[in-house]
Amino acid sequence: MDGDQDVLITSSGTGEAFVLNNDGAGTLSLGSVIVFPEVPWAAAIGDFDLDGDPDLATANDAEASVTVLINR
């Protein structure tokens, strides 16, 4: 973790989320692609397990469910 705010984009067409890394100078580059078993409709980042690391949650479209990915 470098302290720069990165960007997360979900794709309801592919069931993926894309992490765009911020280099701190205004440039974003593709960092990670996360594939979900459900189709993510929206995403939120927060420290859901209270360990100081950012975690990821998605609201899933057709399944009316939530997926939480804990950062380890």
PDB file of N, CA and C in Angstrom:
ATOM      1  N   MET A   1       0.836  -1.173   0.000  1.00  0.00           N
ATOM      2  CA  MET A   1       0.000   0.000   0.000  1.00  0.00           C
ATOM      3  C   MET A   1       0.884   1.240   0.000  1.00  0.00           C
ATOM      4  N   ASP A   2       0.656   2.095  -1.000  1.00  0.00           N
ATOM      5  CA  ASP A   2       1.500   3.276  -1.145  1.00  0.00           C
ATOM      6  C   ASP A   2       0.828   4.562  -0.691  1.00  0.00           C
ATOM      7  N   GLY A   3      -0.432   4.496  -0.261  1.00  0.00           N
ATOM      8  CA  GLY A   3      -1.132   5.676   0.220  1.00  0.00           C
ATOM      9  C   GLY A   3      -1.858   6.459  -0.859  1.00  0.00           C
ATOM     10  N   ASP A   4      -1.641   6.129  -2.138  1.00  0.00           N
ATOM     11  CA  ASP A   4      -2.340   6.812  -3.229  1.00  0.00           C
ATOM     12  C   ASP A   4      -3.703   6.151  -3.442  1.00  0.00           C
ATOM     13  N   GLN A   5      -4.727   6.971  -3.714  1.00  0.00           N
ATOM     14  CA  GLN A   5      -6.071   6.460  -3.941  1.00  0.00           C
ATOM     15  C   GLN A   5      -6.142   5.821  -5.325  1.00  0.00           C
ATOM     16  N   ASP A   6      -6.461   4.525  -5.380  1.00  0.00           N
ATOM     17  CA  ASP A   6      -6.622   3.801  -6.628  1.00  0.00           C
ATOM     18  C   ASP A   6      -8.093   3.823  -7.036  1.00  0.00           C
ATOM     19  N   VAL A   7      -8.402   3.275  -8.209  1.00  0.00           N
ATOM     20  CA  VAL A   7      -9.764   3.282  -8.745  1.00  0.00           C
ATOM     21  C   VAL A   7     -10.209   1.844  -8.952  1.00  0.00           C
ATOM     22  N   LEU A   8     -11.466   1.566  -8.618  1.00  0.00           N
ATOM     23  CA  LEU A   8     -12.060   0.250  -8.844  1.00  0.00           C
ATOM     24  C   LEU A   8     -13.252   0.412  -9.765  1.00  0.00           C
ATOM     25  N   ILE A   9     -13.299  -0.388 -10.835  1.00  0.00           N
ATOM     26  CA  ILE A   9     -14.400  -0.346 -11.794  1.00  0.00           C
ATOM     27  C   ILE A   9     -14.980  -1.743 -11.894  1.00  0.00           C
ATOM     28  N   THR A  10     -16.312  -1.866 -11.777  1.00  0.00           N
ATOM     29  CA  THR A  10     -16.958  -3.164 -11.965  1.00  0.00           C
ATOM     30  C   THR A  10     -17.571  -3.224 -13.353  1.00  0.00           C
ATOM     31  N   SER A  11     -17.618  -4.423 -13.908  1.00  0.00           N
ATOM     32  CA  SER A  11     -18.210  -4.635 -15.219  1.00  0.00           C
ATOM     33  C   SER A  11     -19.346  -5.635 -15.095  1.00  0.00           C
ATOM     34  N   SER A  12     -20.570  -5.159 -15.236  1.00  0.00           N
ATOM     35  CA  SER A  12     -21.712  -6.062 -15.138  1.00  0.00           C
ATOM     36  C   SER A  12     -21.818  -6.958 -16.368  1.00  0.00           C
ATOM     37  N   GLY A  13     -21.119  -6.623 -17.428  1.00  0.00           N
ATOM     38  CA  GLY A  13     -21.153  -7.452 -18.635  1.00  0.00           C
ATOM     39  C   GLY A  13     -20.235  -8.653 -18.573  1.00  0.00           C
ATOM     40  N   THR A  14     -19.145  -8.546 -17.798  1.00  0.00           N
ATOM     41  CA  THR A  14     -18.160  -9.627 -17.772  1.00  0.00           C
ATOM     42  C   THR A  14     -18.028 -10.305 -16.416  1.00  0.00           C
ATOM     43  N   GLY A  15     -18.600  -9.719 -15.364  1.00  0.00           N
ATOM     44  CA  GLY A  15     -18.451 -10.284 -14.030  1.00  0.00           C
ATOM     45  C   GLY A  15     -17.079 -10.046 -13.445  1.00  0.00           C
ATOM     46  N   GLU A  16     -16.427  -8.975 -13.869  1.00  0.00           N
ATOM     47  CA  GLU A  16     -15.079  -8.668 -13.411  1.00  0.00           C
ATOM     48  C   GLU A  16     -15.043  -7.296 -12.743  1.00  0.00           C
ATOM     49  N   ALA A  17     -13.993  -7.084 -11.965  1.00  0.00           N
ATOM     50  CA  ALA A  17     -13.690  -5.763 -11.431  1.00  0.00           C
ATOM     51  C   ALA A  17     -12.244  -5.457 -11.802  1.00  0.00           C
ATOM     52  N   PHE A  18     -11.978  -4.219 -12.132  1.00  0.00           N
ATOM     53  CA  PHE A  18     -10.650  -3.804 -12.566  1.00  0.00           C
ATOM     54  C   PHE A  18     -10.099  -2.786 -11.571  1.00  0.00           C
ATOM     55  N   VAL A  19      -8.893  -3.027 -11.089  1.00  0.00           N
ATOM     56  CA  VAL A  19      -8.216  -2.101 -10.196  1.00  0.00           C
ATOM     57  C   VAL A  19      -7.241  -1.280 -11.034  1.00  0.00           C
ATOM     58  N   LEU A  20      -7.395   0.038 -11.001  1.00  0.00           N
ATOM     59  CA  LEU A  20      -6.485   0.942 -11.695  1.00  0.00           C
ATOM     60  C   LEU A  20      -5.594   1.583 -10.639  1.00  0.00           C
ATOM     61  N   ASN A  21      -4.311   1.326 -10.720  1.00  0.00           N
ATOM     62  CA  ASN A  21      -3.354   1.848  -9.755  1.00  0.00           C
ATOM     63  C   ASN A  21      -3.011   3.300 -10.072  1.00  0.00           C
ATOM     64  N   ASN A  22      -3.008   4.130  -9.045  1.00  0.00           N
ATOM     65  CA  ASN A  22      -2.658   5.544  -9.144  1.00  0.00           C
ATOM     66  C   ASN A  22      -1.178   5.681  -8.792  1.00  0.00           C
ATOM     67  N   ASP A  23      -0.398   6.306  -9.677  1.00  0.00           N
ATOM     68  CA  ASP A  23       1.038   6.463  -9.403  1.00  0.00           C
ATOM     69  C   ASP A  23       1.357   7.712  -8.573  1.00  0.00           C
ATOM     70  N   GLY A  24       0.315   8.457  -8.167  1.00  0.00           N
ATOM     71  CA  GLY A  24       0.524   9.650  -7.355  1.00  0.00           C
ATOM     72  C   GLY A  24       0.769  10.898  -8.175  1.00  0.00           C
ATOM     73  N   ALA A  25       0.946  10.737  -9.488  1.00  0.00           N
ATOM     74  CA  ALA A  25       1.194  11.879 -10.372  1.00  0.00           C
ATOM     75  C   ALA A  25       0.055  12.078 -11.370  1.00  0.00           C
ATOM     76  N   GLY A  26      -1.085  11.413 -11.120  1.00  0.00           N
ATOM     77  CA  GLY A  26      -2.239  11.586 -12.002  1.00  0.00           C
ATOM     78  C   GLY A  26      -2.362  10.554 -13.096  1.00  0.00           C
ATOM     79  N   THR A  27      -1.526   9.521 -13.077  1.00  0.00           N
ATOM     80  CA  THR A  27      -1.590   8.472 -14.094  1.00  0.00           C
ATOM     81  C   THR A  27      -2.137   7.190 -13.479  1.00  0.00           C
ATOM     82  N   LEU A  28      -3.109   6.575 -14.159  1.00  0.00           N
ATOM     83  CA  LEU A  28      -3.668   5.304 -13.733  1.00  0.00           C
ATOM     84  C   LEU A  28      -3.206   4.209 -14.680  1.00  0.00           C
ATOM     85  N   SER A  29      -2.924   3.026 -14.119  1.00  0.00           N
ATOM     86  CA  SER A  29      -2.566   1.872 -14.942  1.00  0.00           C
ATOM     87  C   SER A  29      -3.277   0.648 -14.393  1.00  0.00           C
ATOM     88  N   LEU A  30      -3.564  -0.308 -15.273  1.00  0.00           N
ATOM     89  CA  LEU A  30      -4.269  -1.516 -14.868  1.00  0.00           C
ATOM     90  C   LEU A  30      -3.418  -2.309 -13.899  1.00  0.00           C
ATOM     91  N   GLY A  31      -3.964  -2.568 -12.719  1.00  0.00           N
ATOM     92  CA  GLY A  31      -3.242  -3.317 -11.698  1.00  0.00           C
ATOM     93  C   GLY A  31      -3.706  -4.754 -11.629  1.00  0.00           C
ATOM     94  N   SER A  32      -4.962  -4.961 -11.264  1.00  0.00           N
ATOM     95  CA  SER A  32      -5.502  -6.307 -11.077  1.00  0.00           C
ATOM     96  C   SER A  32      -6.844  -6.421 -11.764  1.00  0.00           C
ATOM     97  N   VAL A  33      -7.157  -7.644 -12.173  1.00  0.00           N
ATOM     98  CA  VAL A  33      -8.486  -7.975 -12.662  1.00  0.00           C
ATOM     99  C   VAL A  33      -9.021  -9.058 -11.734  1.00  0.00           C
ATOM    100  N   ILE A  34     -10.177  -8.802 -11.129  1.00  0.00           N
ATOM    101  CA  ILE A  34     -10.778  -9.732 -10.192  1.00  0.00           C
ATOM    102  C   ILE A  34     -12.021 -10.322 -10.853  1.00  0.00           C
ATOM    103  N   VAL A  35     -12.094 -11.650 -10.946  1.00  0.00           N
ATOM    104  CA  VAL A  35     -13.233 -12.325 -11.558  1.00  0.00           C
ATOM    105  C   VAL A  35     -14.149 -12.826 -10.447  1.00  0.00           C
ATOM    106  N   PHE A  36     -15.417 -12.480 -10.536  1.00  0.00           N
ATOM    107  CA  PHE A  36     -16.405 -12.860  -9.532  1.00  0.00           C
ATOM    108  C   PHE A  36     -17.299 -13.972 -10.055  1.00  0.00           C
ATOM    109  N   PRO A  37     -17.756 -14.872  -9.167  1.00  0.00           N
ATOM    110  CA  PRO A  37     -18.706 -15.904  -9.600  1.00  0.00           C
ATOM    111  C   PRO A  37     -20.078 -15.306  -9.917  1.00  0.00           C
ATOM    112  N   GLU A  38     -20.413 -14.185  -9.264  1.00  0.00           N
ATOM    113  CA  GLU A  38     -21.639 -13.454  -9.548  1.00  0.00           C
ATOM    114  C   GLU A  38     -21.277 -12.196 -10.333  1.00  0.00           C
ATOM    115  N   VAL A  39     -22.277 -11.546 -10.898  1.00  0.00           N
ATOM    116  CA  VAL A  39     -22.043 -10.341 -11.688  1.00  0.00           C
ATOM    117  C   VAL A  39     -22.108  -9.120 -10.771  1.00  0.00           C
ATOM    118  N   PRO A  40     -20.980  -8.416 -10.568  1.00  0.00           N
ATOM    119  CA  PRO A  40     -21.003  -7.249  -9.688  1.00  0.00           C
ATOM    120  C   PRO A  40     -21.733  -6.075 -10.328  1.00  0.00           C
ATOM    121  N   TRP A  41     -22.569  -5.428  -9.548  1.00  0.00           N
ATOM    122  CA  TRP A  41     -23.299  -4.261 -10.020  1.00  0.00           C
ATOM    123  C   TRP A  41     -22.706  -2.984  -9.461  1.00  0.00           C
ATOM    124  N   ALA A  42     -22.242  -3.054  -8.235  1.00  0.00           N
ATOM    125  CA  ALA A  42     -21.615  -1.914  -7.581  1.00  0.00           C
ATOM    126  C   ALA A  42     -20.589  -2.443  -6.589  1.00  0.00           C
ATOM    127  N   ALA A  43     -19.645  -1.578  -6.219  1.00  0.00           N
ATOM    128  CA  ALA A  43     -18.584  -2.014  -5.310  1.00  0.00           C
ATOM    129  C   ALA A  43     -18.335  -0.960  -4.245  1.00  0.00           C
ATOM    130  N   ALA A  44     -17.803  -1.441  -3.127  1.00  0.00           N
ATOM    131  CA  ALA A  44     -17.410  -0.547  -2.038  1.00  0.00           C
ATOM    132  C   ALA A  44     -16.105  -1.065  -1.457  1.00  0.00           C
ATOM    133  N   ILE A  45     -15.257  -0.135  -1.057  1.00  0.00           N
ATOM    134  CA  ILE A  45     -14.001  -0.490  -0.408  1.00  0.00           C
ATOM    135  C   ILE A  45     -14.060   0.020   1.022  1.00  0.00           C
ATOM    136  N   GLY A  46     -13.689  -0.836   1.952  1.00  0.00           N
ATOM    137  CA  GLY A  46     -13.684  -0.455   3.357  1.00  0.00           C
ATOM    138  C   GLY A  46     -12.906  -1.485   4.151  1.00  0.00           C
ATOM    139  N   ASP A  47     -12.627  -1.173   5.373  1.00  0.00           N
ATOM    140  CA  ASP A  47     -11.909  -2.096   6.250  1.00  0.00           C
ATOM    141  C   ASP A  47     -12.947  -2.928   7.005  1.00  0.00           C
ATOM    142  N   PHE A  48     -13.520  -3.921   6.341  1.00  0.00           N
ATOM    143  CA  PHE A  48     -14.642  -4.673   6.888  1.00  0.00           C
ATOM    144  C   PHE A  48     -14.246  -5.605   8.035  1.00  0.00           C
ATOM    145  N   ASP A  49     -13.001  -6.055   8.079  1.00  0.00           N
ATOM    146  CA  ASP A  49     -12.566  -6.928   9.175  1.00  0.00           C
ATOM    147  C   ASP A  49     -11.726  -6.187  10.213  1.00  0.00           C
ATOM    148  N   LEU A  50     -11.645  -4.871  10.086  1.00  0.00           N
ATOM    149  CA  LEU A  50     -10.993  -3.981  11.057  1.00  0.00           C
ATOM    150  C   LEU A  50      -9.526  -4.320  11.327  1.00  0.00           C
ATOM    151  N   ASP A  51      -8.799  -4.739  10.267  1.00  0.00           N
ATOM    152  CA  ASP A  51      -7.373  -5.051  10.432  1.00  0.00           C
ATOM    153  C   ASP A  51      -6.464  -3.959   9.869  1.00  0.00           C
ATOM    154  N   GLY A  52      -7.046  -2.862   9.368  1.00  0.00           N
ATOM    155  CA  GLY A  52      -6.259  -1.761   8.828  1.00  0.00           C
ATOM    156  C   GLY A  52      -6.013  -1.837   7.332  1.00  0.00           C
ATOM    157  N   ASP A  53      -6.411  -2.935   6.688  1.00  0.00           N
ATOM    158  CA  ASP A  53      -6.232  -3.095   5.240  1.00  0.00           C
ATOM    159  C   ASP A  53      -7.570  -2.912   4.528  1.00  0.00           C
ATOM    160  N   PRO A  54      -7.565  -2.306   3.332  1.00  0.00           N
ATOM    161  CA  PRO A  54      -8.823  -2.134   2.599  1.00  0.00           C
ATOM    162  C   PRO A  54      -9.330  -3.462   2.046  1.00  0.00           C
ATOM    163  N   ASP A  55     -10.617  -3.722   2.220  1.00  0.00           N
ATOM    164  CA  ASP A  55     -11.282  -4.910   1.697  1.00  0.00           C
ATOM    165  C   ASP A  55     -12.267  -4.476   0.614  1.00  0.00           C
ATOM    166  N   LEU A  56     -12.839  -5.424  -0.098  1.00  0.00           N
ATOM    167  CA  LEU A  56     -13.718  -5.130  -1.225  1.00  0.00           C
ATOM    168  C   LEU A  56     -15.049  -5.844  -1.047  1.00  0.00           C
ATOM    169  N   ALA A  57     -16.133  -5.131  -1.281  1.00  0.00           N
ATOM    170  CA  ALA A  57     -17.469  -5.726  -1.280  1.00  0.00           C
ATOM    171  C   ALA A  57     -18.170  -5.344  -2.570  1.00  0.00           C
ATOM    172  N   THR A  58     -18.933  -6.282  -3.119  1.00  0.00           N
ATOM    173  CA  THR A  58     -19.729  -5.990  -4.313  1.00  0.00           C
ATOM    174  C   THR A  58     -21.183  -6.354  -4.065  1.00  0.00           C
ATOM    175  N   ALA A  59     -22.068  -5.543  -4.623  1.00  0.00           N
ATOM    176  CA  ALA A  59     -23.481  -5.879  -4.689  1.00  0.00           C
ATOM    177  C   ALA A  59     -23.676  -6.563  -6.032  1.00  0.00           C
ATOM    178  N   ASN A  60     -24.264  -7.741  -6.014  1.00  0.00           N
ATOM    179  CA  ASN A  60     -24.375  -8.555  -7.224  1.00  0.00           C
ATOM    180  C   ASN A  60     -25.772  -8.438  -7.819  1.00  0.00           C
ATOM    181  N   ASP A  61     -25.826  -8.281  -9.113  1.00  0.00           N
ATOM    182  CA  ASP A  61     -27.034  -7.918  -9.846  1.00  0.00           C
ATOM    183  C   ASP A  61     -28.133  -8.974  -9.750  1.00  0.00           C
ATOM    184  N   ALA A  62     -28.087  -9.983 -10.550  1.00  0.00           N
ATOM    185  CA  ALA A  62     -29.198 -10.930 -10.677  1.00  0.00           C
ATOM    186  C   ALA A  62     -29.406 -11.777  -9.432  1.00  0.00           C
ATOM    187  N   GLU A  63     -28.347 -12.021  -8.676  1.00  0.00           N
ATOM    188  CA  GLU A  63     -28.437 -12.907  -7.524  1.00  0.00           C
ATOM    189  C   GLU A  63     -28.941 -12.205  -6.269  1.00  0.00           C
ATOM    190  N   ALA A  64     -29.008 -10.870  -6.292  1.00  0.00           N
ATOM    191  CA  ALA A  64     -29.401 -10.079  -5.121  1.00  0.00           C
ATOM    192  C   ALA A  64     -28.596 -10.508  -3.907  1.00  0.00           C
ATOM    193  N   SER A  65     -27.264 -10.538  -4.083  1.00  0.00           N
ATOM    194  CA  SER A  65     -26.367 -10.972  -3.010  1.00  0.00           C
ATOM    195  C   SER A  65     -25.209  -9.997  -2.888  1.00  0.00           C
ATOM    196  N   VAL A  66     -24.393 -10.212  -1.872  1.00  0.00           N
ATOM    197  CA  VAL A  66     -23.206  -9.411  -1.635  1.00  0.00           C
ATOM    198  C   VAL A  66     -22.019 -10.350  -1.536  1.00  0.00           C
ATOM    199  N   THR A  67     -20.892  -9.964  -2.166  1.00  0.00           N
ATOM    200  CA  THR A  67     -19.640 -10.705  -2.048  1.00  0.00           C
ATOM    201  C   THR A  67     -18.648  -9.805  -1.332  1.00  0.00           C
ATOM    202  N   VAL A  68     -17.955 -10.355  -0.332  1.00  0.00           N
ATOM    203  CA  VAL A  68     -16.940  -9.610   0.394  1.00  0.00           C
ATOM    204  C   VAL A  68     -15.603 -10.326   0.215  1.00  0.00           C
ATOM    205  N   LEU A  69     -14.601  -9.606  -0.283  1.00  0.00           N
ATOM    206  CA  LEU A  69     -13.245 -10.143  -0.426  1.00  0.00           C
ATOM    207  C   LEU A  69     -12.376  -9.486   0.623  1.00  0.00           C
ATOM    208  N   ILE A  70     -11.832 -10.289   1.516  1.00  0.00           N
ATOM    209  CA  ILE A  70     -10.996  -9.793   2.598  1.00  0.00           C
ATOM    210  C   ILE A  70      -9.548  -9.745   2.118  1.00  0.00           C
ATOM    211  N   ASN A  71      -8.912  -8.610   2.310  1.00  0.00           N
ATOM    212  CA  ASN A  71      -7.511  -8.399   1.915  1.00  0.00           C
ATOM    213  C   ASN A  71      -6.621  -9.067   2.944  1.00  0.00           C
ATOM    214  N   ARG A  72      -5.820 -10.017   2.520  1.00  0.00           N
ATOM    215  CA  ARG A  72      -4.906 -10.741   3.424  1.00  0.00           C
ATOM    216  C   ARG A  72      -3.485 -10.391   3.110  1.00  0.00           C
TER     217      ARG A  72
END
